Structure formats: structure tokens, C-alpha cells
C-alpha atoms as a PDB file:
ATOM      1  CA  MET A   1     -19.771  11.501   9.458  1.00  0.00           C
ATOM      2  CA  LYS A   2     -16.865  10.629   7.186  1.00  0.00           C
ATOM      3  CA  LEU A   3     -13.090  10.976   7.335  1.00  0.00           C
ATOM      4  CA  ASN A   4     -11.701  14.427   6.553  1.00  0.00           C
ATOM      5  CA  LEU A   5     -10.327  13.648   3.097  1.00  0.00           C
ATOM      6  CA  GLN A   6      -9.611  15.866   0.124  1.00  0.00           C
ATOM      7  CA  ASP A   7      -9.403  14.632  -3.444  1.00  0.00           C
ATOM      8  CA  ILE A   8      -5.896  13.905  -4.673  1.00  0.00           C
ATOM      9  CA  PRO A   9      -5.064  16.327  -7.529  1.00  0.00           C
ATOM     10  CA  ARG A  10      -5.240  14.897 -11.057  1.00  0.00           C
ATOM     11  CA  VAL A  11      -3.274  15.765 -14.182  1.00  0.00           C
ATOM     12  CA  LYS A  12      -3.497  14.227 -17.647  1.00  0.00           C
ATOM     13  CA  THR A  13       0.280  13.939 -17.951  1.00  0.00           C
ATOM     14  CA  ILE A  14       3.282  15.746 -16.467  1.00  0.00           C
ATOM     15  CA  THR A  15       6.872  16.734 -17.187  1.00  0.00           C
ATOM     16  CA  LYS A  16       9.726  15.712 -14.947  1.00  0.00           C
ATOM     17  CA  GLU A  17      10.301  19.358 -13.992  1.00  0.00           C
ATOM     18  CA  ASP A  18       6.666  19.972 -13.044  1.00  0.00           C
ATOM     19  CA  PHE A  19       6.493  16.743 -11.072  1.00  0.00           C
ATOM     20  CA  ILE A  20       9.598  17.637  -9.022  1.00  0.00           C
ATOM     21  CA  LYS A  21       8.458  21.222  -8.427  1.00  0.00           C
ATOM     22  CA  ASN A  22       4.766  20.683  -7.694  1.00  0.00           C
ATOM     23  CA  TYR A  23       4.637  17.254  -6.062  1.00  0.00           C
ATOM     24  CA  PHE A  24       7.985  15.750  -5.073  1.00  0.00           C
ATOM     25  CA  LYS A  25       9.506  18.811  -3.375  1.00  0.00           C
ATOM     26  CA  PRO A  26       6.343  19.702  -1.409  1.00  0.00           C
ATOM     27  CA  GLN A  27       5.689  15.960  -0.866  1.00  0.00           C
ATOM     28  CA  LYS A  28       2.120  16.000  -2.146  1.00  0.00           C
ATOM     29  CA  PRO A  29       0.318  13.107  -3.861  1.00  0.00           C
ATOM     30  CA  VAL A  30      -0.924  13.275  -7.451  1.00  0.00           C
ATOM     31  CA  VAL A  31      -2.783  11.023  -9.907  1.00  0.00           C
ATOM     32  CA  ILE A  32      -1.397  11.072 -13.454  1.00  0.00           C
ATOM     33  CA  GLU A  33      -4.095   9.834 -15.815  1.00  0.00           C
ATOM     34  CA  GLU A  34      -2.400   9.289 -19.180  1.00  0.00           C
ATOM     35  CA  PHE A  35       1.298   8.820 -18.451  1.00  0.00           C
ATOM     36  CA  ILE A  36       1.655   5.218 -19.637  1.00  0.00           C
ATOM     37  CA  THR A  37      -0.566   5.120 -22.726  1.00  0.00           C
ATOM     38  CA  ASP A  38       2.511   4.244 -24.828  1.00  0.00           C
ATOM     39  CA  TRP A  39       3.363   1.186 -22.711  1.00  0.00           C
ATOM     40  CA  PRO A  40       2.372  -2.197 -24.184  1.00  0.00           C
ATOM     41  CA  ALA A  41       1.044  -2.937 -20.669  1.00  0.00           C
ATOM     42  CA  TYR A  42      -1.574  -0.197 -21.088  1.00  0.00           C
ATOM     43  CA  SER A  43      -3.430  -2.187 -23.731  1.00  0.00           C
ATOM     44  CA  LYS A  44      -2.261  -5.716 -22.836  1.00  0.00           C
ATOM     45  CA  TRP A  45      -2.368  -6.029 -19.078  1.00  0.00           C
ATOM     46  CA  SER A  46      -5.582  -7.530 -17.725  1.00  0.00           C
ATOM     47  CA  LEU A  47      -6.439 -10.399 -15.417  1.00  0.00           C
ATOM     48  CA  ASP A  48      -6.962 -12.618 -18.462  1.00  0.00           C
ATOM     49  CA  TYR A  49      -3.507 -11.729 -19.797  1.00  0.00           C
ATOM     50  CA  ILE A  50      -1.874 -12.461 -16.444  1.00  0.00           C
ATOM     51  CA  LYS A  51      -3.693 -15.802 -16.340  1.00  0.00           C
ATOM     52  CA  GLU A  52      -2.421 -16.605 -19.842  1.00  0.00           C
ATOM     53  CA  ILE A  53       1.193 -15.633 -19.193  1.00  0.00           C
ATOM     54  CA  ALA A  54       1.599 -16.750 -15.556  1.00  0.00           C
ATOM     55  CA  GLY A  55      -1.250 -19.203 -14.966  1.00  0.00           C
ATOM     56  CA  ASP A  56       1.016 -22.062 -13.898  1.00  0.00           C
ATOM     57  CA  LYS A  57       2.818 -20.006 -11.232  1.00  0.00           C
ATOM     58  CA  THR A  58       2.007 -20.774  -7.589  1.00  0.00           C
ATOM     59  CA  VAL A  59       1.279 -17.488  -5.844  1.00  0.00           C
ATOM     60  CA  PRO A  60       1.246 -16.488  -2.134  1.00  0.00           C
ATOM     61  CA  LEU A  61      -2.119 -15.205  -0.871  1.00  0.00           C
ATOM     62  CA  TYR A  62      -2.956 -12.946   2.064  1.00  0.00           C
ATOM     63  CA  ASP A  63      -6.264 -12.004   3.665  1.00  0.00           C
ATOM     64  CA  ASP A  64      -7.335  -9.490   6.313  1.00  0.00           C
ATOM     65  CA  ARG A  65      -6.967 -11.688   9.407  1.00  0.00           C
ATOM     66  CA  PRO A  66      -5.358  -9.887  12.379  1.00  0.00           C
ATOM     67  CA  VAL A  67      -1.627 -10.252  12.977  1.00  0.00           C
ATOM     68  CA  ASP A  68      -0.781 -13.366  14.978  1.00  0.00           C
ATOM     69  CA  TYR A  69       2.442 -13.615  16.962  1.00  0.00           C
ATOM     70  CA  LYS A  70       3.211 -16.953  15.277  1.00  0.00           C
ATOM     71  CA  ASP A  71       3.105 -15.449  11.780  1.00  0.00           C
ATOM     72  CA  GLY A  72       6.481 -14.870  10.154  1.00  0.00           C
ATOM     73  CA  PHE A  73       7.194 -11.594   8.377  1.00  0.00           C
ATOM     74  CA  ASN A  74       5.092 -11.559   5.181  1.00  0.00           C
ATOM     75  CA  GLU A  75       4.195 -15.244   5.640  1.00  0.00           C
ATOM     76  CA  PRO A  76       1.315 -16.122   3.267  1.00  0.00           C
ATOM     77  CA  HIS A  77      -2.040 -17.376   4.529  1.00  0.00           C
ATOM     78  CA  ALA A  78      -2.606 -19.629   1.496  1.00  0.00           C
ATOM     79  CA  LYS A  79      -1.176 -20.555  -1.909  1.00  0.00           C
ATOM     80  CA  MET A  80      -2.834 -21.168  -5.265  1.00  0.00           C
ATOM     81  CA  LYS A  81      -2.047 -21.402  -8.978  1.00  0.00           C
ATOM     82  CA  MET A  82      -2.345 -17.974 -10.605  1.00  0.00           C
ATOM     83  CA  SER A  83      -4.898 -19.381 -13.093  1.00  0.00           C
ATOM     84  CA  GLU A  84      -7.115 -20.559 -10.202  1.00  0.00           C
ATOM     85  CA  TYR A  85      -6.678 -17.247  -8.395  1.00  0.00           C
ATOM     86  CA  VAL A  86      -7.734 -15.186 -11.437  1.00  0.00           C
ATOM     87  CA  ASP A  87     -10.769 -17.444 -11.881  1.00  0.00           C
ATOM     88  CA  LEU A  88     -11.628 -16.871  -8.206  1.00  0.00           C
ATOM     89  CA  LEU A  89     -11.285 -13.068  -8.569  1.00  0.00           C
ATOM     90  CA  LYS A  90     -13.612 -13.019 -11.557  1.00  0.00           C
ATOM     91  CA  ARG A  91     -16.145 -15.427 -10.056  1.00  0.00           C
ATOM     92  CA  GLU A  92     -16.833 -13.964  -6.600  1.00  0.00           C
ATOM     93  CA  PRO A  93     -15.604 -11.531  -3.935  1.00  0.00           C
ATOM     94  CA  THR A  94     -12.608 -12.891  -2.008  1.00  0.00           C
ATOM     95  CA  LYS A  95     -10.416 -11.543   0.773  1.00  0.00           C
ATOM     96  CA  TYR A  96      -7.329 -13.149  -0.760  1.00  0.00           C
ATOM     97  CA  ARG A  97      -4.790 -10.691  -2.137  1.00  0.00           C
ATOM     98  CA  ILE A  98      -1.321 -10.940  -3.618  1.00  0.00           C
ATOM     99  CA  PHE A  99       1.215  -8.324  -2.640  1.00  0.00           C
ATOM    100  CA  LEU A 100       4.915  -7.695  -3.239  1.00  0.00           C
ATOM    101  CA  TRP A 101       5.004 -10.136  -6.173  1.00  0.00           C
ATOM    102  CA  ASN A 102       8.278  -9.429  -7.976  1.00  0.00           C
ATOM    103  CA  VAL A 103       7.680  -9.111 -11.724  1.00  0.00           C
ATOM    104  CA  LEU A 104      11.336  -9.566 -12.711  1.00  0.00           C
ATOM    105  CA  LYS A 105      11.735 -12.713 -10.644  1.00  0.00           C
ATOM    106  CA  GLU A 106       8.366 -14.375 -11.293  1.00  0.00           C
ATOM    107  CA  VAL A 107       7.528 -13.466 -14.911  1.00  0.00           C
ATOM    108  CA  PRO A 108      10.556 -11.780 -16.531  1.00  0.00           C
ATOM    109  CA  GLN A 109       8.813 -11.386 -19.899  1.00  0.00           C
ATOM    110  CA  LEU A 110       6.362  -8.914 -18.361  1.00  0.00           C
ATOM    111  CA  GLN A 111       9.255  -6.452 -18.178  1.00  0.00           C
ATOM    112  CA  LYS A 112       8.960  -6.008 -21.953  1.00  0.00           C
ATOM    113  CA  ASP A 113       5.561  -4.408 -21.394  1.00  0.00           C
ATOM    114  CA  PHE A 114       6.661  -1.413 -19.322  1.00  0.00           C
ATOM    115  CA  LYS A 115       9.438   1.160 -18.964  1.00  0.00           C
ATOM    116  CA  PHE A 116      10.991   2.754 -15.923  1.00  0.00           C
ATOM    117  CA  PRO A 117       9.704   6.324 -16.331  1.00  0.00           C
ATOM    118  CA  ASP A 118      11.869   9.364 -15.687  1.00  0.00           C
ATOM    119  CA  PHE A 119      10.214  11.326 -12.903  1.00  0.00           C
ATOM    120  CA  GLY A 120      13.526  12.869 -11.886  1.00  0.00           C
ATOM    121  CA  LEU A 121      14.014  10.241  -9.154  1.00  0.00           C
ATOM    122  CA  ARG A 122      16.199   7.151  -9.376  1.00  0.00           C
ATOM    123  CA  LEU A 123      13.826   4.196  -9.355  1.00  0.00           C
ATOM    124  CA  MET A 124      14.875   0.879  -7.803  1.00  0.00           C
ATOM    125  CA  LYS A 125      14.923  -1.239 -10.945  1.00  0.00           C
ATOM    126  CA  GLY A 126      15.105  -4.569  -9.171  1.00  0.00           C
ATOM    127  CA  LEU A 127      11.839  -4.075  -7.309  1.00  0.00           C
ATOM    128  CA  PRO A 128       8.808  -3.735  -9.593  1.00  0.00           C
ATOM    129  CA  MET A 129       6.081  -5.324  -7.475  1.00  0.00           C
ATOM    130  CA  LEU A 130       2.574  -6.494  -8.398  1.00  0.00           C
ATOM    131  CA  PHE A 131      -0.488  -6.401  -6.118  1.00  0.00           C
ATOM    132  CA  PHE A 132      -3.796  -8.199  -6.810  1.00  0.00           C
ATOM    133  CA  GLY A 133      -7.154  -8.144  -5.071  1.00  0.00           C
ATOM    134  CA  GLY A 134     -10.803  -9.142  -5.412  1.00  0.00           C
ATOM    135  CA  ARG A 135     -13.849  -6.924  -5.033  1.00  0.00           C
ATOM    136  CA  ASP A 136     -14.004  -5.313  -1.564  1.00  0.00           C
ATOM    137  CA  SER A 137     -10.683  -6.807  -0.446  1.00  0.00           C
ATOM    138  CA  TYR A 138      -8.388  -4.277   1.179  1.00  0.00           C
ATOM    139  CA  THR A 139      -5.043  -3.680   2.839  1.00  0.00           C
ATOM    140  CA  PHE A 140      -4.772  -2.473   6.412  1.00  0.00           C
ATOM    141  CA  MET A 141      -3.769   1.171   6.759  1.00  0.00           C
ATOM    142  CA  HIS A 142       0.026   1.029   6.709  1.00  0.00           C
ATOM    143  CA  TYR A 143       3.174   2.707   5.447  1.00  0.00           C
ATOM    144  CA  ASP A 144       6.147   1.015   3.837  1.00  0.00           C
ATOM    145  CA  ILE A 145       9.121  -0.012   5.944  1.00  0.00           C
ATOM    146  CA  ASP A 146      11.589   1.958   3.789  1.00  0.00           C
ATOM    147  CA  LEU A 147       9.442   5.149   3.580  1.00  0.00           C
ATOM    148  CA  ALA A 148      10.089   5.177  -0.184  1.00  0.00           C
ATOM    149  CA  ASN A 149       8.562   7.420  -2.840  1.00  0.00           C
ATOM    150  CA  ILE A 150       6.020   5.112  -4.513  1.00  0.00           C
ATOM    151  CA  PHE A 151       4.550   5.228  -8.026  1.00  0.00           C
ATOM    152  CA  HIS A 152       1.476   2.977  -8.104  1.00  0.00           C
ATOM    153  CA  PHE A 153       0.246   1.976 -11.586  1.00  0.00           C
ATOM    154  CA  HIS A 154      -3.242   0.465 -11.638  1.00  0.00           C
ATOM    155  CA  PHE A 155      -4.614  -2.063 -14.158  1.00  0.00           C
ATOM    156  CA  GLU A 156      -8.169  -3.318 -14.682  1.00  0.00           C
ATOM    157  CA  GLY A 157     -11.128  -1.995 -12.744  1.00  0.00           C
ATOM    158  CA  LYS A 158     -11.170   0.535  -9.910  1.00  0.00           C
ATOM    159  CA  LYS A 159      -9.289   0.844  -6.651  1.00  0.00           C
ATOM    160  CA  GLN A 160      -9.874   3.303  -3.807  1.00  0.00           C
ATOM    161  CA  CYS A 161      -6.768   4.779  -2.141  1.00  0.00           C
ATOM    162  CA  ILE A 162      -6.838   6.706   1.149  1.00  0.00           C
ATOM    163  CA  LEU A 163      -3.586   8.419   2.190  1.00  0.00           C
ATOM    164  CA  PHE A 164      -2.288  10.207   5.278  1.00  0.00           C
ATOM    165  CA  ASP A 165       1.104  11.809   5.835  1.00  0.00           C
ATOM    166  CA  GLN A 166       3.275  11.083   8.866  1.00  0.00           C
ATOM    167  CA  LYS A 167       2.033  14.244  10.626  1.00  0.00           C
ATOM    168  CA  GLN A 168      -1.286  12.440  11.168  1.00  0.00           C
ATOM    169  CA  ASN A 169       0.267   9.587  13.209  1.00  0.00           C
ATOM    170  CA  LYS A 170      -1.110  10.872  16.501  1.00  0.00           C
ATOM    171  CA  HIS A 171      -4.697  10.564  15.196  1.00  0.00           C
ATOM    172  CA  LEU A 172      -4.488   7.151  13.502  1.00  0.00           C
ATOM    173  CA  TYR A 173      -4.179   4.635  16.368  1.00  0.00           C
ATOM    174  CA  LYS A 174      -0.736   3.609  15.173  1.00  0.00           C
ATOM    175  CA  ILE A 175       0.548   0.312  16.554  1.00  0.00           C
ATOM    176  CA  PRO A 176       3.954   0.820  18.273  1.00  0.00           C
ATOM    177  CA  HIS A 177       6.965  -1.076  16.901  1.00  0.00           C
ATOM    178  CA  SER A 178       4.979  -1.570  13.726  1.00  0.00           C
ATOM    179  CA  LEU A 179       3.950   0.007  10.402  1.00  0.00           C
ATOM    180  CA  ILE A 180       0.174  -0.382  10.739  1.00  0.00           C
ATOM    181  CA  THR A 181      -2.783   1.157  12.548  1.00  0.00           C
ATOM    182  CA  ARG A 182      -5.302  -0.843  14.580  1.00  0.00           C
ATOM    183  CA  GLU A 183      -6.482  -3.592  12.252  1.00  0.00           C
ATOM    184  CA  ASP A 184     -10.085  -3.393  13.464  1.00  0.00           C
ATOM    185  CA  ILE A 185     -10.572   0.128  12.070  1.00  0.00           C
ATOM    186  CA  ASP A 186     -12.690   0.183   8.911  1.00  0.00           C
ATOM    187  CA  PHE A 187     -11.244   3.160   7.042  1.00  0.00           C
ATOM    188  CA  ALA A 188     -13.965   2.869   4.399  1.00  0.00           C
ATOM    189  CA  ASN A 189     -16.619   3.483   7.069  1.00  0.00           C
ATOM    190  CA  PRO A 190     -14.992   4.320  10.416  1.00  0.00           C
ATOM    191  CA  ASP A 191     -16.832   4.174  13.726  1.00  0.00           C
ATOM    192  CA  PHE A 192     -16.067   7.559  15.296  1.00  0.00           C
ATOM    193  CA  ASN A 193     -17.637   6.544  18.597  1.00  0.00           C
ATOM    194  CA  LYS A 194     -15.030   3.817  18.921  1.00  0.00           C
ATOM    195  CA  TRP A 195     -12.176   5.708  17.221  1.00  0.00           C
ATOM    196  CA  PRO A 196     -12.852   9.414  17.971  1.00  0.00           C
ATOM    197  CA  ALA A 197      -9.342  10.659  17.154  1.00  0.00           C
ATOM    198  CA  LEU A 198      -9.889   9.806  13.482  1.00  0.00           C
ATOM    199  CA  LYS A 199     -12.117  12.898  13.263  1.00  0.00           C
ATOM    200  CA  ASN A 200      -8.952  14.999  13.609  1.00  0.00           C
ATOM    201  CA  ALA A 201      -6.975  13.229  10.873  1.00  0.00           C
ATOM    202  CA  LYS A 202      -6.617  15.034   7.529  1.00  0.00           C
ATOM    203  CA  GLY A 203      -5.932  12.902   4.490  1.00  0.00           C
ATOM    204  CA  TRP A 204      -6.353  12.349   0.775  1.00  0.00           C
ATOM    205  CA  VAL A 205      -8.495  10.057  -1.380  1.00  0.00           C
ATOM    206  CA  CYS A 206      -8.800   8.932  -5.004  1.00  0.00           C
ATOM    207  CA  ASN A 207     -10.276   6.166  -7.114  1.00  0.00           C
ATOM    208  CA  LEU A 208      -7.685   4.756  -9.508  1.00  0.00           C
ATOM    209  CA  ASN A 209      -8.738   3.532 -12.958  1.00  0.00           C
ATOM    210  CA  HIS A 210      -6.932   1.370 -15.504  1.00  0.00           C
ATOM    211  CA  GLY A 211      -3.652   2.937 -16.618  1.00  0.00           C
ATOM    212  CA  GLU A 212      -3.561   5.688 -13.983  1.00  0.00           C
ATOM    213  CA  VAL A 213      -0.531   6.364 -11.782  1.00  0.00           C
ATOM    214  CA  LEU A 214      -0.697   7.447  -8.145  1.00  0.00           C
ATOM    215  CA  TYR A 215       2.366   9.113  -6.628  1.00  0.00           C
ATOM    216  CA  MET A 216       2.593   8.481  -2.869  1.00  0.00           C
ATOM    217  CA  PRO A 217       5.219  10.647  -1.154  1.00  0.00           C
ATOM    218  CA  GLU A 218       7.752   9.365   1.367  1.00  0.00           C
ATOM    219  CA  GLY A 219       6.286   7.498   4.310  1.00  0.00           C
ATOM    220  CA  TYR A 220       2.656   8.152   3.397  1.00  0.00           C
ATOM    221  CA  TRP A 221       0.127   5.895   5.080  1.00  0.00           C
ATOM    222  CA  HIS A 222      -2.042   4.087   2.526  1.00  0.00           C
ATOM    223  CA  TYR A 223      -5.233   2.044   2.650  1.00  0.00           C
ATOM    224  CA  MET A 224      -6.203   0.335  -0.609  1.00  0.00           C
ATOM    225  CA  ARG A 225      -9.641  -1.144  -1.312  1.00  0.00           C
ATOM    226  CA  TYR A 226     -10.390  -2.961  -4.563  1.00  0.00           C
ATOM    227  CA  LEU A 227     -13.775  -1.693  -5.753  1.00  0.00           C
ATOM    228  CA  THR A 228     -13.585  -4.296  -8.523  1.00  0.00           C
ATOM    229  CA  PRO A 229     -11.110  -7.162  -9.115  1.00  0.00           C
ATOM    230  CA  GLY A 230      -7.830  -5.785 -10.424  1.00  0.00           C
ATOM    231  CA  PHE A 231      -4.102  -5.408  -9.928  1.00  0.00           C
ATOM    232  CA  SER A 232      -1.423  -2.759  -9.671  1.00  0.00           C
ATOM    233  CA  MET A 233       2.337  -2.390 -10.025  1.00  0.00           C
ATOM    234  CA  SER A 234       4.508  -0.276  -7.742  1.00  0.00           C
ATOM    235  CA  LEU A 235       7.850   1.261  -8.620  1.00  0.00           C
ATOM    236  CA  ARG A 236       9.771   2.965  -5.860  1.00  0.00           C
ATOM    237  CA  ALA A 237      12.552   5.461  -5.269  1.00  0.00           C
ATOM    238  CA  ILE A 238      14.564   5.650  -2.058  1.00  0.00           C
ATOM    239  CA  ALA A 239      13.600   8.294   0.511  1.00  0.00           C
ATOM    240  CA  ARG A 240      15.509  11.536  -0.047  1.00  0.00           C
ATOM    241  CA  ASN A 241      14.630  13.326   3.183  1.00  0.00           C
ATOM    242  CA  PRO A 242      17.447  12.502   5.671  1.00  0.00           C
ATOM    243  CA  LYS A 243      14.925  12.118   8.519  1.00  0.00           C
ATOM    244  CA  ASN A 244      12.898   9.597   6.504  1.00  0.00           C
ATOM    245  CA  LEU A 245      16.030   7.779   5.396  1.00  0.00           C
ATOM    246  CA  GLY A 246      17.051   7.484   9.042  1.00  0.00           C
ATOM    247  CA  LYS A 247      13.601   6.125   9.960  1.00  0.00           C
ATOM    248  CA  ALA A 248      13.845   3.597   7.133  1.00  0.00           C
ATOM    249  CA  ILE A 249      17.211   2.318   8.368  1.00  0.00           C
ATOM    250  CA  TYR A 250      15.862   2.120  11.931  1.00  0.00           C
ATOM    251  CA  ASN A 251      12.745   0.228  10.778  1.00  0.00           C
ATOM    252  CA  VAL A 252      14.665  -2.346   8.756  1.00  0.00           C
ATOM    253  CA  PHE A 253      17.528  -3.039  11.139  1.00  0.00           C
ATOM    254  CA  ILE A 254      16.195  -2.236  14.629  1.00  0.00           C
ATOM    255  CA  MET A 255      12.412  -1.931  14.866  1.00  0.00           C
ATOM    256  CA  ARG A 256      11.695  -5.156  12.989  1.00  0.00           C
ATOM    257  CA  SER A 257      14.295  -7.048  15.073  1.00  0.00           C
ATOM    258  CA  ILE A 258      12.836  -5.777  18.369  1.00  0.00           C
ATOM    259  CA  ASP A 259       9.354  -6.823  17.263  1.00  0.00           C
ATOM    260  CA  ASN A 260      10.491 -10.300  16.208  1.00  0.00           C
ATOM    261  CA  VAL A 261      12.337 -10.877  19.500  1.00  0.00           C
ATOM    262  CA  MET A 262       9.373  -9.719  21.595  1.00  0.00           C
ATOM    263  CA  ARG A 263       6.988 -11.973  19.643  1.00  0.00           C
ATOM    264  CA  ARG A 264       9.199 -14.951  20.481  1.00  0.00           C
ATOM    265  CA  ILE A 265       9.476 -13.983  24.171  1.00  0.00           C
ATOM    266  CA  LYS A 266       5.967 -12.704  24.933  1.00  0.00           C
ATOM    267  CA  GLY A 267       3.857 -14.314  22.207  1.00  0.00           C
ATOM    268  CA  GLN A 268       0.298 -13.027  21.880  1.00  0.00           C
ATOM    269  CA  LYS A 269       0.716 -10.856  24.997  1.00  0.00           C
ATOM    270  CA  TRP A 270       3.084  -8.657  22.961  1.00  0.00           C
ATOM    271  CA  ILE A 271       0.506  -8.217  20.178  1.00  0.00           C
ATOM    272  CA  ASP A 272      -2.241  -7.477  22.712  1.00  0.00           C
ATOM    273  CA  TRP A 273      -0.038  -4.927  24.525  1.00  0.00           C
ATOM    274  CA  LYS A 274       0.775  -3.141  21.257  1.00  0.00           C
ATOM    275  CA  ASN A 275      -2.911  -2.964  20.325  1.00  0.00           C
ATOM    276  CA  GLN A 276      -3.776  -1.451  23.704  1.00  0.00           C
ATOM    277  CA  GLN A 277      -0.878   1.025  23.479  1.00  0.00           C
ATOM    278  CA  ALA A 278      -2.221   2.255  20.137  1.00  0.00           C
ATOM    279  CA  ILE A 279      -5.375   3.391  21.965  1.00  0.00           C
ATOM    280  CA  THR A 280      -3.544   4.736  25.028  1.00  0.00           C
ATOM    281  CA  ASN A 281      -1.046   6.740  22.954  1.00  0.00           C
ATOM    282  CA  THR A 282      -3.697   8.176  20.653  1.00  0.00           C
ATOM    283  CA  ASN A 283      -6.004   9.125  23.529  1.00  0.00           C
ATOM    284  CA  LYS A 284      -3.217  11.209  25.085  1.00  0.00           C
ATOM    285  CA  TYR A 285      -3.351  13.499  22.072  1.00  0.00           C
ATOM    286  CA  LEU A 286      -7.141  13.390  22.026  1.00  0.00           C
ATOM    287  CA  THR A 287      -7.382  14.832  25.540  1.00  0.00           C
ATOM    288  CA  LYS A 288      -4.865  17.556  24.689  1.00  0.00           C
ATOM    289  CA  SER A 289      -6.760  18.718  21.596  1.00  0.00           C
END
């Protein structure tokens, strides 16, 4: 048995008006296949090009180890020269990923290779972020702290993306005071005996290819698995829905602070309690359904 996922709709290209009407207003995801063919990045950006242009940069690396109470927010698990990292990606599977790597700050000349597209939303121009991963590396199922509208541009190879909207929270074993689900769930091949509520979750799936753009609506959960080595760039627009904007403000200024304080006070007991609560809270809904 597999997750209840439907294919994310695909269009070759799209006008601003059609995007707003058909995807932004109803908050539905879409893959746009040929939207950036006029960008220099479309033909230039590859792992080899990144190695050439940013090989001497030291980059932060993350793997899929469970959250530890001693870890700082977004604290890397390792560091490496970009040239060494690209060589590693091309040589063998690795769990090490790069995420939230700011293009403008780290390699300003890359900005010449792309434009900020007009989707009818005001994009945050200071935050173009790059994400890299090796074959079979993946992110935990999570949603972004600011519940932004995300445009995810993929380069080189293939990447699988599984999405859920916030209405599915009760089925996903969400960790309280956090933005992730249980880290021991394999969303590529879930164990429904261990995680039965996942059978009730309804989501979306796509495989992204080089040059394609995935629109993820506000607050959508996303799980990304690199089917081959590759990288992506995200551009984001602030949440427009007042409820989501309120959640974003709460997450940034209150939820994250509560979590940090409790980690300092309770240590690993806090992490263990949250993991157990994810099961307890989800099972409440399971018995009702």
C-alpha cells in the first residue's frame, strides 16, 4: 500500500493571470515545465558549473540524523569545500545536503544568471536560497517557519517532491512545537502498520526535472528526495492569508523561543516527550475516524 497521492498538475508555461486564478487563489500546487528557458541559468547551471564558480567556498552540510537537544537552530553537521562536495555527490550516494545557502551572499555573480519572475506575488529578493543533495538523500517532511509561497526551481537530475496541505496535520504525526513530522517515518515507503494514520492523509507528488518550477502554496508540508545528485533554488513570497501570516509570526517569535527554552531546561527529555506526543495526538484522530 502506498500514500494517497495525486500527481501535481503540469503546464508548459503560464501567465501571471492564470497562475493567480488557477493556483495561487485556490492554493493548489503546480509544476511549470518551461518557464525559465530564457534564463542563462537554464543552460549554464550544473554541478560542474557550481564547482567552477564556487569551488573554494566552505559550505555547511546536513544529514538525516534525528534532532538532538544540543543542536542549535540550523547548526550544520559537517563542513566541506564546495569543490570537494560536488566531487562527493558525483562519486557516490551521500546523506550530506546543503540547504538555505544564500546565493546573493555566497556567490553574488550567480544572480546574473536568473531573474525574479512576475507571478503576481512580491518575491523576497534578498532570499534566493540554494539546496543540494546526493542520490537518495532527503529532507524530513516539514513546512517552512514563515508559511511562505515557495517557487522551487530545480537544476540537474531528478528530485521527488511529496506535498501535503495544513489540513492533513492530524494524519501526519506532527511534532508539537515544531515544523516537522516524526523523523523515523519513511515517506518514500511508509510502514502503515507502524504509522496507520498516514493512510488517511491526502497529498500530492511530482518528479522535478532540470529547469522545472514547482509552486508550493502557503504552509504546505514538503518532503524532497534526490533521485539523482542535483540542486534547486527557492524564491519565496510572504504568506497572504491572514491566518497563515499570524501562524508565521507565532512560529518565529514564540514557538521557536519556547522550544529553545525547553531544550535548555529539559534536554533530551523534551525531544522524547515531543516525539511521543506526535503519536498520542495523531492517534486521537485515528480513533475518531
